[in-house]
Amino acid sequence: RSEKVQSSFVGIRKNDLTGAEMKGTEAHVTLRIVSELISATRDAAGTVIDGDPDTVAEVKDVWTFARDTRSRDPNWRLVATEAED
């Protein structure tokens, strides 16, 4: 179909901690993230067929991160994402 998606991340407007729990030795934290994106899909001729390359859209997501509390590694890994309804 030769379609191209162009997306630009503008920034994060807000993030809130919405949950935290332990699952065995693994800590899980859940964040609600409100970000701003610009996105447009163009067909092979360059015509915009979805989105708007000149409009910033608000996107609301829920991300969950996990970390084994026994590990010396301080990094958290992303274990789930979903769009907020």
PDB file of N, CA and C in Angstrom:
ATOM      1  N   ARG A   1       0.817  -1.205   0.000  1.00  0.00           N
ATOM      2  CA  ARG A   1       0.000   0.000   0.000  1.00  0.00           C
ATOM      3  C   ARG A   1       0.851   1.256   0.000  1.00  0.00           C
ATOM      4  N   SER A   2       2.111   1.149   0.336  1.00  0.00           N
ATOM      5  CA  SER A   2       3.058   2.269   0.295  1.00  0.00           C
ATOM      6  C   SER A   2       2.633   3.460   1.145  1.00  0.00           C
ATOM      7  N   GLU A   3       2.048   3.206   2.282  1.00  0.00           N
ATOM      8  CA  GLU A   3       1.677   4.295   3.189  1.00  0.00           C
ATOM      9  C   GLU A   3       2.823   4.564   4.153  1.00  0.00           C
ATOM     10  N   LYS A   4       2.941   5.827   4.572  1.00  0.00           N
ATOM     11  CA  LYS A   4       3.985   6.212   5.517  1.00  0.00           C
ATOM     12  C   LYS A   4       3.348   6.941   6.687  1.00  0.00           C
ATOM     13  N   VAL A   5       3.775   6.566   7.878  1.00  0.00           N
ATOM     14  CA  VAL A   5       3.308   7.235   9.088  1.00  0.00           C
ATOM     15  C   VAL A   5       4.432   8.133   9.582  1.00  0.00           C
ATOM     16  N   GLN A   6       4.103   9.398   9.809  1.00  0.00           N
ATOM     17  CA  GLN A   6       5.053  10.355  10.363  1.00  0.00           C
ATOM     18  C   GLN A   6       4.546  10.744  11.746  1.00  0.00           C
ATOM     19  N   SER A   7       5.389  10.537  12.754  1.00  0.00           N
ATOM     20  CA  SER A   7       5.002  10.884  14.118  1.00  0.00           C
ATOM     21  C   SER A   7       6.106  11.690  14.773  1.00  0.00           C
ATOM     22  N   SER A   8       5.707  12.676  15.549  1.00  0.00           N
ATOM     23  CA  SER A   8       6.652  13.480  16.322  1.00  0.00           C
ATOM     24  C   SER A   8       6.175  13.536  17.760  1.00  0.00           C
ATOM     25  N   PHE A   9       7.061  13.209  18.671  1.00  0.00           N
ATOM     26  CA  PHE A   9       6.758  13.286  20.091  1.00  0.00           C
ATOM     27  C   PHE A   9       7.008  14.718  20.545  1.00  0.00           C
ATOM     28  N   VAL A  10       5.971  15.378  21.048  1.00  0.00           N
ATOM     29  CA  VAL A  10       6.097  16.769  21.494  1.00  0.00           C
ATOM     30  C   VAL A  10       6.590  16.806  22.935  1.00  0.00           C
ATOM     31  N   GLY A  11       5.969  16.016  23.804  1.00  0.00           N
ATOM     32  CA  GLY A  11       6.411  15.980  25.193  1.00  0.00           C
ATOM     33  C   GLY A  11       5.381  15.349  26.102  1.00  0.00           C
ATOM     34  N   ILE A  12       5.783  15.192  27.361  1.00  0.00           N
ATOM     35  CA  ILE A  12       4.881  14.672  28.382  1.00  0.00           C
ATOM     36  C   ILE A  12       4.279  15.855  29.121  1.00  0.00           C
ATOM     37  N   ARG A  13       2.967  15.911  29.152  1.00  0.00           N
ATOM     38  CA  ARG A  13       2.269  16.986  29.840  1.00  0.00           C
ATOM     39  C   ARG A  13       2.109  16.675  31.322  1.00  0.00           C
ATOM     40  N   LYS A  14       1.840  15.391  31.617  1.00  0.00           N
ATOM     41  CA  LYS A  14       1.560  15.018  32.999  1.00  0.00           C
ATOM     42  C   LYS A  14       1.784  13.527  33.180  1.00  0.00           C
ATOM     43  N   ASN A  15       2.252  13.127  34.356  1.00  0.00           N
ATOM     44  CA  ASN A  15       2.276  11.707  34.698  1.00  0.00           C
ATOM     45  C   ASN A  15       1.926  11.559  36.171  1.00  0.00           C
ATOM     46  N   ASP A  16       1.146  10.540  36.456  1.00  0.00           N
ATOM     47  CA  ASP A  16       0.683  10.278  37.813  1.00  0.00           C
ATOM     48  C   ASP A  16       0.940   8.823  38.162  1.00  0.00           C
ATOM     49  N   LEU A  17       1.420   8.593  39.371  1.00  0.00           N
ATOM     50  CA  LEU A  17       1.550   7.241  39.887  1.00  0.00           C
ATOM     51  C   LEU A  17       0.157   6.766  40.273  1.00  0.00           C
ATOM     52  N   THR A  18      -0.316   5.697  39.630  1.00  0.00           N
ATOM     53  CA  THR A  18      -1.679   5.223  39.899  1.00  0.00           C
ATOM     54  C   THR A  18      -1.713   3.900  40.645  1.00  0.00           C
ATOM     55  N   GLY A  19      -0.560   3.247  40.785  1.00  0.00           N
ATOM     56  CA  GLY A  19      -0.553   1.991  41.512  1.00  0.00           C
ATOM     57  C   GLY A  19       0.854   1.520  41.801  1.00  0.00           C
ATOM     58  N   ALA A  20       0.988   0.775  42.890  1.00  0.00           N
ATOM     59  CA  ALA A  20       2.268   0.166  43.254  1.00  0.00           C
ATOM     60  C   ALA A  20       1.957  -1.098  44.038  1.00  0.00           C
ATOM     61  N   GLU A  21       2.658  -2.173  43.706  1.00  0.00           N
ATOM     62  CA  GLU A  21       2.426  -3.422  44.427  1.00  0.00           C
ATOM     63  C   GLU A  21       3.647  -4.321  44.325  1.00  0.00           C
ATOM     64  N   MET A  22       3.723  -5.252  45.246  1.00  0.00           N
ATOM     65  CA  MET A  22       4.760  -6.278  45.222  1.00  0.00           C
ATOM     66  C   MET A  22       4.128  -7.572  44.737  1.00  0.00           C
ATOM     67  N   LYS A  23       4.819  -8.243  43.820  1.00  0.00           N
ATOM     68  CA  LYS A  23       4.425  -9.571  43.349  1.00  0.00           C
ATOM     69  C   LYS A  23       5.621 -10.475  43.620  1.00  0.00           C
ATOM     70  N   GLY A  24       5.598 -11.100  44.776  1.00  0.00           N
ATOM     71  CA  GLY A  24       6.767 -11.867  45.196  1.00  0.00           C
ATOM     72  C   GLY A  24       7.894 -10.898  45.500  1.00  0.00           C
ATOM     73  N   THR A  25       9.022 -11.067  44.814  1.00  0.00           N
ATOM     74  CA  THR A  25      10.158 -10.155  45.019  1.00  0.00           C
ATOM     75  C   THR A  25      10.200  -9.056  43.964  1.00  0.00           C
ATOM     76  N   GLU A  26       9.168  -8.990  43.141  1.00  0.00           N
ATOM     77  CA  GLU A  26       9.141  -8.019  42.051  1.00  0.00           C
ATOM     78  C   GLU A  26       8.219  -6.852  42.394  1.00  0.00           C
ATOM     79  N   ALA A  27       8.772  -5.645  42.314  1.00  0.00           N
ATOM     80  CA  ALA A  27       7.981  -4.436  42.539  1.00  0.00           C
ATOM     81  C   ALA A  27       7.380  -3.993  41.208  1.00  0.00           C
ATOM     82  N   HIS A  28       6.108  -3.607  41.228  1.00  0.00           N
ATOM     83  CA  HIS A  28       5.421  -3.100  40.038  1.00  0.00           C
ATOM     84  C   HIS A  28       4.879  -1.710  40.346  1.00  0.00           C
ATOM     85  N   VAL A  29       5.102  -0.771  39.432  1.00  0.00           N
ATOM     86  CA  VAL A  29       4.512   0.561  39.554  1.00  0.00           C
ATOM     87  C   VAL A  29       3.776   0.873  38.258  1.00  0.00           C
ATOM     88  N   THR A  30       2.633   1.528  38.392  1.00  0.00           N
ATOM     89  CA  THR A  30       1.817   1.874  37.231  1.00  0.00           C
ATOM     90  C   THR A  30       1.676   3.384  37.168  1.00  0.00           C
ATOM     91  N   LEU A  31       1.899   3.927  35.972  1.00  0.00           N
ATOM     92  CA  LEU A  31       1.816   5.361  35.733  1.00  0.00           C
ATOM     93  C   LEU A  31       0.767   5.665  34.680  1.00  0.00           C
ATOM     94  N   ARG A  32       0.029   6.735  34.891  1.00  0.00           N
ATOM     95  CA  ARG A  32      -0.864   7.287  33.864  1.00  0.00           C
ATOM     96  C   ARG A  32      -0.088   8.435  33.236  1.00  0.00           C
ATOM     97  N   ILE A  33       0.131   8.364  31.934  1.00  0.00           N
ATOM     98  CA  ILE A  33       0.951   9.346  31.230  1.00  0.00           C
ATOM     99  C   ILE A  33       0.099  10.072  30.199  1.00  0.00           C
ATOM    100  N   VAL A  34       0.101  11.404  30.276  1.00  0.00           N
ATOM    101  CA  VAL A  34      -0.575  12.233  29.278  1.00  0.00           C
ATOM    102  C   VAL A  34       0.531  12.899  28.463  1.00  0.00           C
ATOM    103  N   SER A  35       0.580  12.577  27.175  1.00  0.00           N
ATOM    104  CA  SER A  35       1.620  13.125  26.308  1.00  0.00           C
ATOM    105  C   SER A  35       0.995  13.827  25.109  1.00  0.00           C
ATOM    106  N   GLU A  36       1.851  14.491  24.353  1.00  0.00           N
ATOM    107  CA  GLU A  36       1.406  15.191  23.147  1.00  0.00           C
ATOM    108  C   GLU A  36       2.193  14.675  21.952  1.00  0.00           C
ATOM    109  N   LEU A  37       1.459  14.326  20.901  1.00  0.00           N
ATOM    110  CA  LEU A  37       2.051  13.784  19.684  1.00  0.00           C
ATOM    111  C   LEU A  37       1.470  14.468  18.458  1.00  0.00           C
ATOM    112  N   ILE A  38       2.267  14.497  17.412  1.00  0.00           N
ATOM    113  CA  ILE A  38       1.788  14.908  16.093  1.00  0.00           C
ATOM    114  C   ILE A  38       1.930  13.679  15.207  1.00  0.00           C
ATOM    115  N   SER A  39       0.856  13.305  14.514  1.00  0.00           N
ATOM    116  CA  SER A  39       0.907  12.090  13.708  1.00  0.00           C
ATOM    117  C   SER A  39       0.044  12.229  12.463  1.00  0.00           C
ATOM    118  N   ALA A  40       0.577  11.741  11.356  1.00  0.00           N
ATOM    119  CA  ALA A  40      -0.177  11.746  10.101  1.00  0.00           C
ATOM    120  C   ALA A  40       0.267  10.562   9.254  1.00  0.00           C
ATOM    121  N   THR A  41      -0.687   9.984   8.536  1.00  0.00           N
ATOM    122  CA  THR A  41      -0.403   8.897   7.600  1.00  0.00           C
ATOM    123  C   THR A  41      -0.627   9.424   6.192  1.00  0.00           C
ATOM    124  N   ARG A  42       0.341   9.165   5.322  1.00  0.00           N
ATOM    125  CA  ARG A  42       0.256   9.625   3.931  1.00  0.00           C
ATOM    126  C   ARG A  42       0.247   8.425   2.991  1.00  0.00           C
ATOM    127  N   ASP A  43      -0.485   8.572   1.893  1.00  0.00           N
ATOM    128  CA  ASP A  43      -0.487   7.515   0.879  1.00  0.00           C
ATOM    129  C   ASP A  43       0.734   7.680  -0.021  1.00  0.00           C
ATOM    130  N   ALA A  44       0.846   6.842  -1.043  1.00  0.00           N
ATOM    131  CA  ALA A  44       2.006   6.859  -1.936  1.00  0.00           C
ATOM    132  C   ALA A  44       2.183   8.195  -2.647  1.00  0.00           C
ATOM    133  N   ALA A  45       1.081   8.931  -2.849  1.00  0.00           N
ATOM    134  CA  ALA A  45       1.154  10.233  -3.520  1.00  0.00           C
ATOM    135  C   ALA A  45       1.496  11.363  -2.550  1.00  0.00           C
ATOM    136  N   GLY A  46       1.559  11.057  -1.250  1.00  0.00           N
ATOM    137  CA  GLY A  46       1.876  12.078  -0.260  1.00  0.00           C
ATOM    138  C   GLY A  46       0.661  12.759   0.342  1.00  0.00           C
ATOM    139  N   THR A  47      -0.526  12.302  -0.025  1.00  0.00           N
ATOM    140  CA  THR A  47      -1.767  12.873   0.502  1.00  0.00           C
ATOM    141  C   THR A  47      -2.027  12.331   1.905  1.00  0.00           C
ATOM    142  N   VAL A  48      -2.376  13.226   2.825  1.00  0.00           N
ATOM    143  CA  VAL A  48      -2.691  12.806   4.189  1.00  0.00           C
ATOM    144  C   VAL A  48      -4.007  12.033   4.172  1.00  0.00           C
ATOM    145  N   ILE A  49      -3.955  10.786   4.661  1.00  0.00           N
ATOM    146  CA  ILE A  49      -5.164   9.955   4.686  1.00  0.00           C
ATOM    147  C   ILE A  49      -5.648   9.691   6.116  1.00  0.00           C
ATOM    148  N   ASP A  50      -4.823  10.054   7.098  1.00  0.00           N
ATOM    149  CA  ASP A  50      -5.234   9.908   8.496  1.00  0.00           C
ATOM    150  C   ASP A  50      -4.381  10.834   9.348  1.00  0.00           C
ATOM    151  N   GLY A  51      -4.980  11.396  10.398  1.00  0.00           N
ATOM    152  CA  GLY A  51      -4.246  12.294  11.276  1.00  0.00           C
ATOM    153  C   GLY A  51      -4.119  13.677  10.676  1.00  0.00           C
ATOM    154  N   ASP A  52      -3.232  14.482  11.265  1.00  0.00           N
ATOM    155  CA  ASP A  52      -3.017  15.859  10.813  1.00  0.00           C
ATOM    156  C   ASP A  52      -1.593  16.260  11.166  1.00  0.00           C
ATOM    157  N   PRO A  53      -0.763  16.555  10.165  1.00  0.00           N
ATOM    158  CA  PRO A  53       0.634  16.889  10.437  1.00  0.00           C
ATOM    159  C   PRO A  53       0.821  18.245  11.122  1.00  0.00           C
ATOM    160  N   ASP A  54      -0.256  19.007  11.275  1.00  0.00           N
ATOM    161  CA  ASP A  54      -0.164  20.333  11.885  1.00  0.00           C
ATOM    162  C   ASP A  54      -0.871  20.433  13.232  1.00  0.00           C
ATOM    163  N   THR A  55      -1.387  19.315  13.738  1.00  0.00           N
ATOM    164  CA  THR A  55      -2.156  19.348  14.976  1.00  0.00           C
ATOM    165  C   THR A  55      -1.504  18.477  16.047  1.00  0.00           C
ATOM    166  N   VAL A  56      -1.368  19.058  17.232  1.00  0.00           N
ATOM    167  CA  VAL A  56      -0.854  18.312  18.378  1.00  0.00           C
ATOM    168  C   VAL A  56      -2.032  17.599  19.039  1.00  0.00           C
ATOM    169  N   ALA A  57      -1.916  16.293  19.192  1.00  0.00           N
ATOM    170  CA  ALA A  57      -2.977  15.489  19.807  1.00  0.00           C
ATOM    171  C   ALA A  57      -2.552  15.047  21.207  1.00  0.00           C
ATOM    172  N   GLU A  58      -3.521  15.019  22.111  1.00  0.00           N
ATOM    173  CA  GLU A  58      -3.276  14.527  23.461  1.00  0.00           C
ATOM    174  C   GLU A  58      -3.472  13.014  23.476  1.00  0.00           C
ATOM    175  N   VAL A  59      -2.516  12.307  24.059  1.00  0.00           N
ATOM    176  CA  VAL A  59      -2.567  10.848  24.139  1.00  0.00           C
ATOM    177  C   VAL A  59      -2.470  10.450  25.604  1.00  0.00           C
ATOM    178  N   LYS A  60      -3.390   9.585  26.046  1.00  0.00           N
ATOM    179  CA  LYS A  60      -3.395   9.123  27.437  1.00  0.00           C
ATOM    180  C   LYS A  60      -3.106   7.628  27.460  1.00  0.00           C
ATOM    181  N   ASP A  61      -2.060   7.255  28.184  1.00  0.00           N
ATOM    182  CA  ASP A  61      -1.649   5.860  28.277  1.00  0.00           C
ATOM    183  C   ASP A  61      -1.445   5.463  29.732  1.00  0.00           C
ATOM    184  N   VAL A  62      -1.453   4.160  29.964  1.00  0.00           N
ATOM    185  CA  VAL A  62      -1.112   3.600  31.265  1.00  0.00           C
ATOM    186  C   VAL A  62       0.068   2.651  31.042  1.00  0.00           C
ATOM    187  N   TRP A  63       1.174   2.917  31.729  1.00  0.00           N
ATOM    188  CA  TRP A  63       2.381   2.101  31.593  1.00  0.00           C
ATOM    189  C   TRP A  63       2.696   1.458  32.937  1.00  0.00           C
ATOM    190  N   THR A  64       3.096   0.185  32.897  1.00  0.00           N
ATOM    191  CA  THR A  64       3.493  -0.519  34.114  1.00  0.00           C
ATOM    192  C   THR A  64       4.950  -0.959  33.984  1.00  0.00           C
ATOM    193  N   PHE A  65       5.715  -0.675  35.034  1.00  0.00           N
ATOM    194  CA  PHE A  65       7.127  -1.026  35.092  1.00  0.00           C
ATOM    195  C   PHE A  65       7.348  -2.012  36.233  1.00  0.00           C
ATOM    196  N   ALA A  66       8.382  -2.857  36.096  1.00  0.00           N
ATOM    197  CA  ALA A  66       8.688  -3.834  37.140  1.00  0.00           C
ATOM    198  C   ALA A  66      10.194  -3.898  37.364  1.00  0.00           C
ATOM    199  N   ARG A  67      10.537  -4.304  38.583  1.00  0.00           N
ATOM    200  CA  ARG A  67      11.945  -4.462  38.945  1.00  0.00           C
ATOM    201  C   ARG A  67      12.050  -5.513  40.041  1.00  0.00           C
ATOM    202  N   ASP A  68      12.989  -6.437  39.874  1.00  0.00           N
ATOM    203  CA  ASP A  68      13.245  -7.443  40.908  1.00  0.00           C
ATOM    204  C   ASP A  68      14.008  -6.754  42.039  1.00  0.00           C
ATOM    205  N   THR A  69      13.425  -6.725  43.216  1.00  0.00           N
ATOM    206  CA  THR A  69      14.033  -6.007  44.342  1.00  0.00           C
ATOM    207  C   THR A  69      15.284  -6.703  44.879  1.00  0.00           C
ATOM    208  N   ARG A  70      15.525  -7.944  44.487  1.00  0.00           N
ATOM    209  CA  ARG A  70      16.749  -8.648  44.897  1.00  0.00           C
ATOM    210  C   ARG A  70      17.922  -8.314  43.986  1.00  0.00           C
ATOM    211  N   SER A  71      17.635  -7.749  42.836  1.00  0.00           N
ATOM    212  CA  SER A  71      18.674  -7.484  41.843  1.00  0.00           C
ATOM    213  C   SER A  71      19.471  -6.229  42.195  1.00  0.00           C
ATOM    214  N   ARG A  72      20.739  -6.242  41.839  1.00  0.00           N
ATOM    215  CA  ARG A  72      21.583  -5.051  42.010  1.00  0.00           C
ATOM    216  C   ARG A  72      21.365  -4.069  40.861  1.00  0.00           C
ATOM    217  N   ASP A  73      20.714  -4.533  39.799  1.00  0.00           N
ATOM    218  CA  ASP A  73      20.422  -3.680  38.642  1.00  0.00           C
ATOM    219  C   ASP A  73      19.349  -2.661  39.037  1.00  0.00           C
ATOM    220  N   PRO A  74      19.650  -1.358  38.959  1.00  0.00           N
ATOM    221  CA  PRO A  74      18.683  -0.343  39.376  1.00  0.00           C
ATOM    222  C   PRO A  74      17.601  -0.045  38.333  1.00  0.00           C
ATOM    223  N   ASN A  75      17.737  -0.615  37.147  1.00  0.00           N
ATOM    224  CA  ASN A  75      16.818  -0.292  36.057  1.00  0.00           C
ATOM    225  C   ASN A  75      15.477  -1.005  36.200  1.00  0.00           C
ATOM    226  N   TRP A  76      14.440  -0.301  35.772  1.00  0.00           N
ATOM    227  CA  TRP A  76      13.090  -0.853  35.720  1.00  0.00           C
ATOM    228  C   TRP A  76      12.821  -1.249  34.281  1.00  0.00           C
ATOM    229  N   ARG A  77      12.001  -2.293  34.072  1.00  0.00           N
ATOM    230  CA  ARG A  77      11.647  -2.688  32.704  1.00  0.00           C
ATOM    231  C   ARG A  77      10.149  -2.467  32.492  1.00  0.00           C
ATOM    232  N   LEU A  78       9.821  -2.091  31.287  1.00  0.00           N
ATOM    233  CA  LEU A  78       8.428  -1.874  30.906  1.00  0.00           C
ATOM    234  C   LEU A  78       7.778  -3.234  30.691  1.00  0.00           C
ATOM    235  N   VAL A  79       6.679  -3.515  31.427  1.00  0.00           N
ATOM    236  CA  VAL A  79       6.041  -4.830  31.325  1.00  0.00           C
ATOM    237  C   VAL A  79       4.636  -4.771  30.732  1.00  0.00           C
ATOM    238  N   ALA A  80       4.038  -3.576  30.657  1.00  0.00           N
ATOM    239  CA  ALA A  80       2.693  -3.471  30.070  1.00  0.00           C
ATOM    240  C   ALA A  80       2.413  -2.032  29.667  1.00  0.00           C
ATOM    241  N   THR A  81       1.671  -1.887  28.576  1.00  0.00           N
ATOM    242  CA  THR A  81       1.166  -0.575  28.152  1.00  0.00           C
ATOM    243  C   THR A  81      -0.261  -0.751  27.675  1.00  0.00           C
ATOM    244  N   GLU A  82      -1.054   0.272  27.856  1.00  0.00           N
ATOM    245  CA  GLU A  82      -2.406   0.264  27.297  1.00  0.00           C
ATOM    246  C   GLU A  82      -2.879   1.698  27.137  1.00  0.00           C
ATOM    247  N   ALA A  83      -3.713   1.910  26.143  1.00  0.00           N
ATOM    248  CA  ALA A  83      -4.317   3.223  25.940  1.00  0.00           C
ATOM    249  C   ALA A  83      -5.425   3.404  26.961  1.00  0.00           C
ATOM    250  N   GLU A  84      -5.511   4.607  27.497  1.00  0.00           N
ATOM    251  CA  GLU A  84      -6.592   4.884  28.437  1.00  0.00           C
ATOM    252  C   GLU A  84      -7.870   5.142  27.657  1.00  0.00           C
ATOM    253  N   ASP A  85      -8.971   4.584  28.124  1.00  0.00           N
ATOM    254  CA  ASP A  85     -10.264   4.771  27.446  1.00  0.00           C
ATOM    255  C   ASP A  85     -10.788   6.176  27.619  1.00  0.00           C
TER     256      ASP A  85
END
